[in-house]
Amino acid sequence: MIRADRELLAELMSVNDAVPHVTLAMLDGSFSRQEHAEFGARLVALGNALRERGCQQPTVVVEGGVG
């Protein structure tokens, strides 16, 4: 696994670990607008990085179909 993949997976794990805290903070009203914006930006950046990585993967043909 290349370093970029490890870093991407580490960020994915970090975001995933933050979700319960973020959810509870949103539910109890203690999550500020700035925290919303920062977490949203983090999610968008992660989504873009995952999409970019997916586009770098070679196309695989299995039994005549493209996967």
PDB file of N, CA and C in Angstrom:
ATOM      1  N   MET A   1       0.853  -1.172   0.000  1.00  0.00           N
ATOM      2  CA  MET A   1       0.000   0.000   0.000  1.00  0.00           C
ATOM      3  C   MET A   1       0.899   1.236   0.000  1.00  0.00           C
ATOM      4  N   ILE A   2       0.582   2.185  -0.851  1.00  0.00           N
ATOM      5  CA  ILE A   2       1.401   3.388  -0.940  1.00  0.00           C
ATOM      6  C   ILE A   2       1.047   4.363   0.185  1.00  0.00           C
ATOM      7  N   ARG A   3       1.965   5.271   0.446  1.00  0.00           N
ATOM      8  CA  ARG A   3       1.794   6.230   1.539  1.00  0.00           C
ATOM      9  C   ARG A   3       0.507   7.040   1.391  1.00  0.00           C
ATOM     10  N   ALA A   4       0.203   7.486   0.188  1.00  0.00           N
ATOM     11  CA  ALA A   4      -1.002   8.289  -0.031  1.00  0.00           C
ATOM     12  C   ALA A   4      -2.258   7.509   0.350  1.00  0.00           C
ATOM     13  N   ASP A   5      -2.277   6.210   0.048  1.00  0.00           N
ATOM     14  CA  ASP A   5      -3.426   5.382   0.419  1.00  0.00           C
ATOM     15  C   ASP A   5      -3.530   5.252   1.934  1.00  0.00           C
ATOM     16  N   ARG A   6      -2.399   5.064   2.599  1.00  0.00           N
ATOM     17  CA  ARG A   6      -2.408   4.964   4.066  1.00  0.00           C
ATOM     18  C   ARG A   6      -2.922   6.258   4.689  1.00  0.00           C
ATOM     19  N   GLU A   7      -2.482   7.394   4.152  1.00  0.00           N
ATOM     20  CA  GLU A   7      -2.927   8.684   4.677  1.00  0.00           C
ATOM     21  C   GLU A   7      -4.419   8.887   4.429  1.00  0.00           C
ATOM     22  N   LEU A   8      -4.885   8.483   3.263  1.00  0.00           N
ATOM     23  CA  LEU A   8      -6.305   8.600   2.941  1.00  0.00           C
ATOM     24  C   LEU A   8      -7.135   7.727   3.885  1.00  0.00           C
ATOM     25  N   LEU A   9      -6.697   6.500   4.103  1.00  0.00           N
ATOM     26  CA  LEU A   9      -7.416   5.604   5.010  1.00  0.00           C
ATOM     27  C   LEU A   9      -7.366   6.104   6.450  1.00  0.00           C
ATOM     28  N   ALA A  10      -6.255   6.711   6.850  1.00  0.00           N
ATOM     29  CA  ALA A  10      -6.146   7.270   8.199  1.00  0.00           C
ATOM     30  C   ALA A  10      -7.136   8.417   8.381  1.00  0.00           C
ATOM     31  N   GLU A  11      -7.278   9.265   7.382  1.00  0.00           N
ATOM     32  CA  GLU A  11      -8.245  10.364   7.465  1.00  0.00           C
ATOM     33  C   GLU A  11      -9.667   9.822   7.471  1.00  0.00           C
ATOM     34  N   LEU A  12      -9.930   8.806   6.680  1.00  0.00           N
ATOM     35  CA  LEU A  12     -11.255   8.180   6.662  1.00  0.00           C
ATOM     36  C   LEU A  12     -11.589   7.616   8.046  1.00  0.00           C
ATOM     37  N   MET A  13     -10.632   6.955   8.666  1.00  0.00           N
ATOM     38  CA  MET A  13     -10.847   6.422  10.017  1.00  0.00           C
ATOM     39  C   MET A  13     -11.060   7.546  11.025  1.00  0.00           C
ATOM     40  N   SER A  14     -10.315   8.620  10.890  1.00  0.00           N
ATOM     41  CA  SER A  14     -10.435   9.745  11.807  1.00  0.00           C
ATOM     42  C   SER A  14     -11.810  10.400  11.699  1.00  0.00           C
ATOM     43  N   VAL A  15     -12.270  10.602  10.476  1.00  0.00           N
ATOM     44  CA  VAL A  15     -13.604  11.182  10.263  1.00  0.00           C
ATOM     45  C   VAL A  15     -14.661  10.236  10.820  1.00  0.00           C
ATOM     46  N   ASN A  16     -14.520   8.957  10.528  1.00  0.00           N
ATOM     47  CA  ASN A  16     -15.473   7.968  11.017  1.00  0.00           C
ATOM     48  C   ASN A  16     -15.528   7.971  12.545  1.00  0.00           C
ATOM     49  N   ASP A  17     -14.376   8.072  13.188  1.00  0.00           N
ATOM     50  CA  ASP A  17     -14.329   8.109  14.649  1.00  0.00           C
ATOM     51  C   ASP A  17     -14.980   9.370  15.213  1.00  0.00           C
ATOM     52  N   ALA A  18     -14.961  10.468  14.457  1.00  0.00           N
ATOM     53  CA  ALA A  18     -15.526  11.734  14.919  1.00  0.00           C
ATOM     54  C   ALA A  18     -17.044  11.787  14.796  1.00  0.00           C
ATOM     55  N   VAL A  19     -17.626  10.949  13.959  1.00  0.00           N
ATOM     56  CA  VAL A  19     -19.065  11.024  13.676  1.00  0.00           C
ATOM     57  C   VAL A  19     -19.935  10.905  14.932  1.00  0.00           C
ATOM     58  N   PRO A  20     -19.701   9.961  15.843  1.00  0.00           N
ATOM     59  CA  PRO A  20     -20.567   9.902  17.034  1.00  0.00           C
ATOM     60  C   PRO A  20     -20.538  11.195  17.852  1.00  0.00           C
ATOM     61  N   HIS A  21     -19.349  11.750  18.061  1.00  0.00           N
ATOM     62  CA  HIS A  21     -19.235  13.012  18.810  1.00  0.00           C
ATOM     63  C   HIS A  21     -19.968  14.138  18.085  1.00  0.00           C
ATOM     64  N   VAL A  22     -19.753  14.233  16.789  1.00  0.00           N
ATOM     65  CA  VAL A  22     -20.393  15.278  15.991  1.00  0.00           C
ATOM     66  C   VAL A  22     -21.909  15.123  16.049  1.00  0.00           C
ATOM     67  N   THR A  23     -22.389  13.906  15.912  1.00  0.00           N
ATOM     68  CA  THR A  23     -23.829  13.650  15.942  1.00  0.00           C
ATOM     69  C   THR A  23     -24.430  14.074  17.276  1.00  0.00           C
ATOM     70  N   LEU A  24     -23.807  13.672  18.372  1.00  0.00           N
ATOM     71  CA  LEU A  24     -24.322  14.049  19.691  1.00  0.00           C
ATOM     72  C   LEU A  24     -24.283  15.558  19.897  1.00  0.00           C
ATOM     73  N   ALA A  25     -23.208  16.191  19.459  1.00  0.00           N
ATOM     74  CA  ALA A  25     -23.102  17.647  19.592  1.00  0.00           C
ATOM     75  C   ALA A  25     -24.171  18.350  18.767  1.00  0.00           C
ATOM     76  N   MET A  26     -24.478  17.824  17.587  1.00  0.00           N
ATOM     77  CA  MET A  26     -25.547  18.406  16.768  1.00  0.00           C
ATOM     78  C   MET A  26     -26.898  18.233  17.458  1.00  0.00           C
ATOM     79  N   LEU A  27     -27.126  17.045  18.018  1.00  0.00           N
ATOM     80  CA  LEU A  27     -28.408  16.766  18.667  1.00  0.00           C
ATOM     81  C   LEU A  27     -28.625  17.618  19.909  1.00  0.00           C
ATOM     82  N   ASP A  28     -27.570  17.867  20.680  1.00  0.00           N
ATOM     83  CA  ASP A  28     -27.763  18.663  21.896  1.00  0.00           C
ATOM     84  C   ASP A  28     -27.560  20.159  21.670  1.00  0.00           C
ATOM     85  N   GLY A  29     -27.276  20.539  20.426  1.00  0.00           N
ATOM     86  CA  GLY A  29     -27.181  21.956  20.084  1.00  0.00           C
ATOM     87  C   GLY A  29     -25.858  22.605  20.437  1.00  0.00           C
ATOM     88  N   SER A  30     -24.857  21.817  20.796  1.00  0.00           N
ATOM     89  CA  SER A  30     -23.573  22.409  21.186  1.00  0.00           C
ATOM     90  C   SER A  30     -22.570  22.488  20.036  1.00  0.00           C
ATOM     91  N   PHE A  31     -22.994  22.100  18.851  1.00  0.00           N
ATOM     92  CA  PHE A  31     -22.114  22.120  17.676  1.00  0.00           C
ATOM     93  C   PHE A  31     -22.269  23.469  16.994  1.00  0.00           C
ATOM     94  N   SER A  32     -21.210  24.271  16.994  1.00  0.00           N
ATOM     95  CA  SER A  32     -21.292  25.637  16.472  1.00  0.00           C
ATOM     96  C   SER A  32     -21.348  25.661  14.944  1.00  0.00           C
ATOM     97  N   ARG A  33     -21.703  26.815  14.417  1.00  0.00           N
ATOM     98  CA  ARG A  33     -21.707  26.981  12.957  1.00  0.00           C
ATOM     99  C   ARG A  33     -20.315  26.760  12.383  1.00  0.00           C
ATOM    100  N   GLN A  34     -19.323  27.252  13.088  1.00  0.00           N
ATOM    101  CA  GLN A  34     -17.945  27.073  12.621  1.00  0.00           C
ATOM    102  C   GLN A  34     -17.571  25.595  12.606  1.00  0.00           C
ATOM    103  N   GLU A  35     -17.956  24.862  13.637  1.00  0.00           N
ATOM    104  CA  GLU A  35     -17.677  23.426  13.670  1.00  0.00           C
ATOM    105  C   GLU A  35     -18.406  22.704  12.537  1.00  0.00           C
ATOM    106  N   HIS A  36     -19.641  23.130  12.258  1.00  0.00           N
ATOM    107  CA  HIS A  36     -20.378  22.575  11.114  1.00  0.00           C
ATOM    108  C   HIS A  36     -19.587  22.797   9.832  1.00  0.00           C
ATOM    109  N   ALA A  37     -19.150  24.026   9.631  1.00  0.00           N
ATOM    110  CA  ALA A  37     -18.421  24.372   8.405  1.00  0.00           C
ATOM    111  C   ALA A  37     -17.113  23.588   8.304  1.00  0.00           C
ATOM    112  N   GLU A  38     -16.391  23.490   9.412  1.00  0.00           N
ATOM    113  CA  GLU A  38     -15.109  22.778   9.399  1.00  0.00           C
ATOM    114  C   GLU A  38     -15.291  21.285   9.146  1.00  0.00           C
ATOM    115  N   PHE A  39     -16.283  20.680   9.798  1.00  0.00           N
ATOM    116  CA  PHE A  39     -16.504  19.247   9.591  1.00  0.00           C
ATOM    117  C   PHE A  39     -17.020  18.996   8.177  1.00  0.00           C
ATOM    118  N   GLY A  40     -17.891  19.879   7.702  1.00  0.00           N
ATOM    119  CA  GLY A  40     -18.373  19.751   6.323  1.00  0.00           C
ATOM    120  C   GLY A  40     -17.239  19.853   5.318  1.00  0.00           C
ATOM    121  N   ALA A  41     -16.332  20.786   5.531  1.00  0.00           N
ATOM    122  CA  ALA A  41     -15.180  20.936   4.633  1.00  0.00           C
ATOM    123  C   ALA A  41     -14.298  19.692   4.682  1.00  0.00           C
ATOM    124  N   ARG A  42     -14.175  19.131   5.854  1.00  0.00           N
ATOM    125  CA  ARG A  42     -13.385  17.904   6.004  1.00  0.00           C
ATOM    126  C   ARG A  42     -14.029  16.746   5.229  1.00  0.00           C
ATOM    127  N   LEU A  43     -15.355  16.634   5.327  1.00  0.00           N
ATOM    128  CA  LEU A  43     -16.068  15.589   4.587  1.00  0.00           C
ATOM    129  C   LEU A  43     -15.935  15.778   3.082  1.00  0.00           C
ATOM    130  N   VAL A  44     -16.067  17.022   2.627  1.00  0.00           N
ATOM    131  CA  VAL A  44     -15.942  17.307   1.194  1.00  0.00           C
ATOM    132  C   VAL A  44     -14.536  16.976   0.707  1.00  0.00           C
ATOM    133  N   ALA A  45     -13.523  17.389   1.463  1.00  0.00           N
ATOM    134  CA  ALA A  45     -12.135  17.109   1.073  1.00  0.00           C
ATOM    135  C   ALA A  45     -11.887  15.604   1.015  1.00  0.00           C
ATOM    136  N   LEU A  46     -12.426  14.876   1.986  1.00  0.00           N
ATOM    137  CA  LEU A  46     -12.261  13.424   1.998  1.00  0.00           C
ATOM    138  C   LEU A  46     -12.974  12.800   0.804  1.00  0.00           C
ATOM    139  N   GLY A  47     -14.189  13.251   0.521  1.00  0.00           N
ATOM    140  CA  GLY A  47     -14.918  12.738  -0.640  1.00  0.00           C
ATOM    141  C   GLY A  47     -14.179  13.002  -1.934  1.00  0.00           C
ATOM    142  N   ASN A  48     -13.641  14.199  -2.068  1.00  0.00           N
ATOM    143  CA  ASN A  48     -12.873  14.524  -3.275  1.00  0.00           C
ATOM    144  C   ASN A  48     -11.627  13.647  -3.397  1.00  0.00           C
ATOM    145  N   ALA A  49     -10.949  13.421  -2.281  1.00  0.00           N
ATOM    146  CA  ALA A  49      -9.746  12.579  -2.304  1.00  0.00           C
ATOM    147  C   ALA A  49     -10.091  11.134  -2.661  1.00  0.00           C
ATOM    148  N   LEU A  50     -11.204  10.625  -2.130  1.00  0.00           N
ATOM    149  CA  LEU A  50     -11.630   9.264  -2.458  1.00  0.00           C
ATOM    150  C   LEU A  50     -12.006   9.147  -3.933  1.00  0.00           C
ATOM    151  N   ARG A  51     -12.712  10.158  -4.439  1.00  0.00           N
ATOM    152  CA  ARG A  51     -13.094  10.160  -5.857  1.00  0.00           C
ATOM    153  C   ARG A  51     -11.855  10.204  -6.737  1.00  0.00           C
ATOM    154  N   GLU A  52     -10.918  11.073  -6.380  1.00  0.00           N
ATOM    155  CA  GLU A  52      -9.672  11.193  -7.136  1.00  0.00           C
ATOM    156  C   GLU A  52      -8.910   9.870  -7.162  1.00  0.00           C
ATOM    157  N   ARG A  53      -8.834   9.233  -6.006  1.00  0.00           N
ATOM    158  CA  ARG A  53      -8.121   7.953  -5.913  1.00  0.00           C
ATOM    159  C   ARG A  53      -8.823   6.897  -6.757  1.00  0.00           C
ATOM    160  N   GLY A  54     -10.134   6.896  -6.736  1.00  0.00           N
ATOM    161  CA  GLY A  54     -10.885   5.945  -7.543  1.00  0.00           C
ATOM    162  C   GLY A  54     -10.656   6.138  -9.027  1.00  0.00           C
ATOM    163  N   CYS A  55     -10.505   7.377  -9.445  1.00  0.00           N
ATOM    164  CA  CYS A  55     -10.256   7.665 -10.865  1.00  0.00           C
ATOM    165  C   CYS A  55      -8.861   7.216 -11.288  1.00  0.00           C
ATOM    166  N   GLN A  56      -7.949   7.075 -10.333  1.00  0.00           N
ATOM    167  CA  GLN A  56      -6.587   6.646 -10.640  1.00  0.00           C
ATOM    168  C   GLN A  56      -6.484   5.134 -10.793  1.00  0.00           C
ATOM    169  N   GLN A  57      -7.485   4.423 -10.310  1.00  0.00           N
ATOM    170  CA  GLN A  57      -7.456   2.962 -10.368  1.00  0.00           C
ATOM    171  C   GLN A  57      -7.655   2.496 -11.803  1.00  0.00           C
ATOM    172  N   PRO A  58      -6.911   1.481 -12.218  1.00  0.00           N
ATOM    173  CA  PRO A  58      -7.083   0.969 -13.579  1.00  0.00           C
ATOM    174  C   PRO A  58      -8.440   0.286 -13.728  1.00  0.00           C
ATOM    175  N   THR A  59      -8.981   0.354 -14.927  1.00  0.00           N
ATOM    176  CA  THR A  59     -10.229  -0.333 -15.219  1.00  0.00           C
ATOM    177  C   THR A  59      -9.942  -1.821 -15.338  1.00  0.00           C
ATOM    178  N   VAL A  60     -10.796  -2.610 -14.731  1.00  0.00           N
ATOM    179  CA  VAL A  60     -10.613  -4.060 -14.734  1.00  0.00           C
ATOM    180  C   VAL A  60     -11.731  -4.696 -15.545  1.00  0.00           C
ATOM    181  N   VAL A  61     -11.363  -5.592 -16.438  1.00  0.00           N
ATOM    182  CA  VAL A  61     -12.350  -6.329 -17.219  1.00  0.00           C
ATOM    183  C   VAL A  61     -12.387  -7.750 -16.677  1.00  0.00           C
ATOM    184  N   VAL A  62     -13.570  -8.149 -16.201  1.00  0.00           N
ATOM    185  CA  VAL A  62     -13.756  -9.488 -15.657  1.00  0.00           C
ATOM    186  C   VAL A  62     -14.870 -10.168 -16.436  1.00  0.00           C
ATOM    187  N   GLU A  63     -14.556 -11.273 -17.063  1.00  0.00           N
ATOM    188  CA  GLU A  63     -15.527 -12.051 -17.828  1.00  0.00           C
ATOM    189  C   GLU A  63     -16.318 -11.177 -18.797  1.00  0.00           C
ATOM    190  N   GLY A  64     -15.616 -10.320 -19.502  1.00  0.00           N
ATOM    191  CA  GLY A  64     -16.242  -9.498 -20.526  1.00  0.00           C
ATOM    192  C   GLY A  64     -16.930  -8.247 -20.017  1.00  0.00           C
ATOM    193  N   GLY A  65     -17.020  -8.053 -18.698  1.00  0.00           N
ATOM    194  CA  GLY A  65     -17.641  -6.855 -18.139  1.00  0.00           C
ATOM    195  C   GLY A  65     -16.591  -5.924 -17.569  1.00  0.00           C
ATOM    196  N   VAL A  66     -16.897  -4.648 -17.565  1.00  0.00           N
ATOM    197  CA  VAL A  66     -15.980  -3.651 -17.015  1.00  0.00           C
ATOM    198  C   VAL A  66     -16.375  -3.400 -15.573  1.00  0.00           C
ATOM    199  N   GLY A  67     -15.390  -3.500 -14.664  1.00  0.00           N
ATOM    200  CA  GLY A  67     -15.674  -3.309 -13.238  1.00  0.00           C
ATOM    201  C   GLY A  67     -14.951  -2.135 -12.674  1.00  0.00           C
TER     202      GLY A  67
END
